[in-house]
Amino acid sequence: MGANLVGRAIAYAVDVPLQPNEFRLLVGICLTAHDDHTPPRYFDSREAMALILGRRIPDAVTGLPDPPERAAGLKSVKVAMKGLTDLHALRRTKTGGHGRRAEFEVILDVAKAQQSSVFKARDRRPSMTATEARRRRGGGTAAVPVKVLRQSPLGDYGSTDEGLRQSPSGTTGKQDQQEEEQVA
């Protein structure tokens, strides 16, 4: 179950900035999700999600208020799940309550995530300054003159010195000319 989804979740996290708890929860959800459905579904208790986050929370006792560690663990799950749903990694299909568990679809949609306001607020890429934008539009810095080598029809690059041009046989032009004069 979910080994393929874990790989997709890691690739998703490369493109979308996730908080540490969100990444940890996403990988745990992908590992235990039912991936034989299209899209894969996940439904487990909040206590199981808190355990994925490394928090062992005590059971609720009827009639007594939740102990502080239970409330803190459930809140960390709530915050991480909200981040994942806002970034379009998960989509809630059923709301839990009264003995029912919430159900989620594992979406991992990078394109939608990059259009979300949460992504834009978390984006770690450096923004371009106005000066950089003008430089890119204008073609960059001033061009530096470069010495251009002549190219023969055979694709060989010749020297910039006229007397040292090389023929395809490997001899220089002046040597060929001197050899032709001696033969004639």
Protein backbone atom coordinates (compact mmCIF):
# COMPACT_ATOMS: atom_id res chain seq x y z
CA MET A 1 0.00 0.00 0.00
CA GLY A 2 1.21 3.46 -0.86
CA ALA A 3 4.88 2.99 -1.82
CA ASN A 4 4.23 4.67 -5.17
CA LEU A 5 2.32 7.45 -3.43
CA VAL A 6 5.22 8.13 -1.07
CA GLY A 7 7.49 8.74 -4.05
CA ARG A 8 4.92 11.11 -5.54
CA ALA A 9 4.62 12.91 -2.19
CA ILE A 10 8.38 13.43 -2.00
CA ALA A 11 8.40 14.80 -5.56
CA TYR A 12 5.44 17.05 -4.66
CA ALA A 13 7.36 18.41 -1.66
CA VAL A 14 10.27 19.38 -3.93
CA ASP A 15 8.02 21.79 -5.85
CA VAL A 16 5.73 22.92 -3.03
CA PRO A 17 7.09 24.34 0.24
CA LEU A 18 5.70 22.28 3.12
CA GLN A 19 6.07 22.76 6.85
CA PRO A 20 7.87 19.87 8.61
CA ASN A 21 4.66 18.52 10.19
CA GLU A 22 2.83 18.77 6.87
CA PHE A 23 5.54 16.80 5.08
CA ARG A 24 5.66 14.16 7.79
CA LEU A 25 1.88 13.79 7.81
CA LEU A 26 1.70 13.67 4.00
CA VAL A 27 4.26 10.87 3.81
CA GLY A 28 2.46 8.94 6.57
CA ILE A 29 -0.90 9.39 4.84
CA CYS A 30 0.53 8.28 1.49
CA LEU A 31 2.09 5.23 3.10
CA THR A 32 -1.21 4.04 4.58
CA ALA A 33 -3.68 5.32 1.94
CA HIS A 34 -5.73 2.91 -0.14
CA ASP A 35 -4.07 3.48 -3.49
CA ASP A 36 -6.19 0.95 -5.38
CA HIS A 37 -8.85 3.67 -5.69
CA THR A 38 -8.63 6.50 -8.19
CA PRO A 39 -7.76 8.92 -6.64
CA PRO A 40 -6.26 7.19 -3.59
CA ARG A 41 -8.33 7.52 -0.39
CA TYR A 42 -7.25 7.98 3.18
CA PHE A 43 -9.37 7.62 6.29
CA ASP A 44 -7.92 7.07 9.72
CA SER A 45 -8.43 8.52 13.17
CA ARG A 46 -7.00 11.81 14.37
CA GLU A 47 -5.07 9.84 16.99
CA ALA A 48 -3.38 7.82 14.22
CA MET A 49 -2.47 11.04 12.41
CA ALA A 50 -1.03 12.46 15.64
CA LEU A 51 1.09 9.32 15.98
CA ILE A 52 2.44 9.94 12.46
CA LEU A 53 3.48 13.37 13.71
CA GLY A 54 5.30 11.77 16.64
CA ARG A 55 2.72 12.61 19.30
CA ARG A 56 1.25 9.85 21.43
CA ILE A 57 -1.97 11.27 22.79
CA PRO A 58 -4.09 9.85 25.60
CA ASP A 59 -7.62 8.63 24.96
CA ALA A 60 -10.53 10.96 25.60
CA VAL A 61 -12.39 10.43 28.86
CA THR A 62 -16.11 11.12 28.79
CA GLY A 63 -17.15 13.93 31.07
CA LEU A 64 -13.65 15.28 31.63
CA PRO A 65 -11.90 18.00 29.63
CA ASP A 66 -9.13 16.90 27.30
CA PRO A 67 -5.69 16.83 28.90
CA PRO A 68 -3.31 19.49 27.48
CA GLU A 69 -1.18 16.94 25.57
CA ARG A 70 -4.28 15.57 23.81
CA ALA A 71 -5.47 19.05 22.84
CA ALA A 72 -1.98 20.00 21.59
CA GLY A 73 -1.64 16.78 19.56
CA LEU A 74 -5.05 17.16 17.93
CA LYS A 75 -4.34 20.81 17.16
CA SER A 76 -1.07 19.90 15.42
CA VAL A 77 -3.00 17.42 13.25
CA LYS A 78 -5.62 20.06 12.46
CA VAL A 79 -3.01 22.65 11.45
CA ALA A 80 -1.07 20.19 9.27
CA MET A 81 -4.24 18.91 7.56
CA LYS A 82 -5.41 22.47 6.85
CA GLY A 83 -2.06 23.25 5.23
CA LEU A 84 -2.20 20.11 3.09
CA THR A 85 -5.77 20.76 1.94
CA ASP A 86 -5.01 24.42 1.20
CA LEU A 87 -2.01 23.36 -0.91
CA HIS A 88 -4.13 20.83 -2.87
CA ALA A 89 -2.21 17.80 -1.66
CA LEU A 90 -5.38 16.38 -0.11
CA ARG A 91 -9.09 16.96 -0.69
CA ARG A 92 -11.67 16.29 2.01
CA THR A 93 -14.53 14.18 0.65
CA LYS A 94 -16.34 13.40 3.92
CA THR A 95 -16.37 15.32 7.16
CA GLY A 96 -15.93 13.31 10.34
CA GLY A 97 -17.98 13.56 13.49
CA HIS A 98 -20.33 11.53 15.71
CA GLY A 99 -18.34 8.32 15.39
CA ARG A 100 -17.46 8.76 11.71
CA ARG A 101 -13.99 9.44 10.40
CA ALA A 102 -13.17 12.09 7.86
CA GLU A 103 -12.18 10.84 4.42
CA PHE A 104 -9.60 12.41 2.12
CA GLU A 105 -8.45 11.92 -1.45
CA VAL A 106 -4.70 12.14 -2.12
CA ILE A 107 -4.44 14.64 -4.99
CA LEU A 108 -0.81 15.95 -5.01
CA ASP A 109 -1.60 18.61 -7.65
CA VAL A 110 1.46 20.86 -8.00
CA ALA A 111 -0.12 23.17 -10.62
CA LYS A 112 -3.10 23.99 -8.40
CA ALA A 113 -0.85 24.33 -5.36
CA GLN A 114 1.34 26.90 -7.11
CA GLN A 115 -1.73 29.01 -7.86
CA SER A 116 -2.93 29.02 -4.25
CA SER A 117 -2.47 31.95 -1.90
CA VAL A 118 -0.77 29.67 0.66
CA PHE A 119 1.91 28.76 -1.87
CA LYS A 120 2.49 32.40 -2.79
CA ALA A 121 2.88 33.30 0.89
CA ARG A 122 5.40 30.48 1.45
CA ASP A 123 7.29 30.72 -1.84
CA ARG A 124 11.03 30.55 -1.11
CA ARG A 125 12.24 31.52 -4.57
CA PRO A 126 13.91 34.92 -4.67
CA SER A 127 11.88 37.55 -6.45
CA MET A 128 13.40 39.56 -9.25
CA THR A 129 14.21 43.19 -8.54
CA ALA A 130 13.18 45.94 -10.96
CA THR A 131 16.82 46.43 -12.00
CA GLU A 132 17.19 42.73 -12.85
CA ALA A 133 13.97 42.81 -14.86
CA ARG A 134 15.19 45.81 -16.91
CA ARG A 135 18.52 44.11 -17.51
CA ARG A 136 16.84 40.92 -18.73
CA ARG A 137 14.46 42.81 -21.01
CA GLY A 138 17.29 44.93 -22.41
CA GLY A 139 19.47 41.94 -23.24
CA GLY A 140 21.80 42.08 -20.26
CA THR A 141 25.04 43.97 -19.90
CA ALA A 142 26.86 45.68 -22.76
CA ALA A 143 28.34 43.31 -25.30
CA VAL A 144 32.09 42.74 -25.18
CA PRO A 145 33.82 42.53 -28.59
CA VAL A 146 34.90 38.98 -29.33
CA LYS A 147 37.57 37.88 -31.81
CA VAL A 148 35.80 35.80 -34.45
CA LEU A 149 37.62 32.97 -36.18
CA ARG A 150 36.99 32.41 -39.87
CA GLN A 151 35.51 29.09 -40.82
CA SER A 152 36.38 27.16 -43.97
CA PRO A 153 33.72 25.40 -46.05
CA LEU A 154 34.85 22.17 -44.41
CA GLY A 155 33.93 23.51 -40.98
CA ASP A 156 37.53 24.04 -39.84
CA TYR A 157 38.28 27.17 -37.90
CA GLY A 158 41.15 29.16 -39.31
CA SER A 159 43.66 31.23 -37.41
CA THR A 160 43.30 34.98 -37.23
CA ASP A 161 46.84 35.27 -38.65
CA GLU A 162 46.66 35.16 -42.46
CA GLY A 163 50.00 33.41 -42.88
CA LEU A 164 49.21 30.47 -40.62
CA ARG A 165 46.01 29.16 -42.16
CA GLN A 166 45.95 25.40 -42.17
CA SER A 167 44.84 23.22 -45.06
CA PRO A 168 42.77 20.06 -44.61
CA SER A 169 45.97 18.01 -45.07
CA GLY A 170 47.41 19.66 -41.95
CA THR A 171 50.05 21.91 -43.58
CA THR A 172 50.00 25.67 -43.38
CA GLY A 173 49.09 27.84 -46.38
CA LYS A 174 52.59 29.36 -46.84
CA GLN A 175 54.22 25.93 -46.91
CA ASP A 176 51.80 24.75 -49.61
CA GLN A 177 52.50 27.83 -51.65
CA GLN A 178 56.30 27.41 -51.34
CA GLU A 179 56.09 23.73 -52.27
CA GLU A 180 54.03 24.56 -55.39
CA GLU A 181 56.62 27.20 -56.47
CA GLN A 182 59.51 24.75 -56.09
CA VAL A 183 57.77 22.10 -58.15
CA ALA A 184 56.94 24.51 -60.99
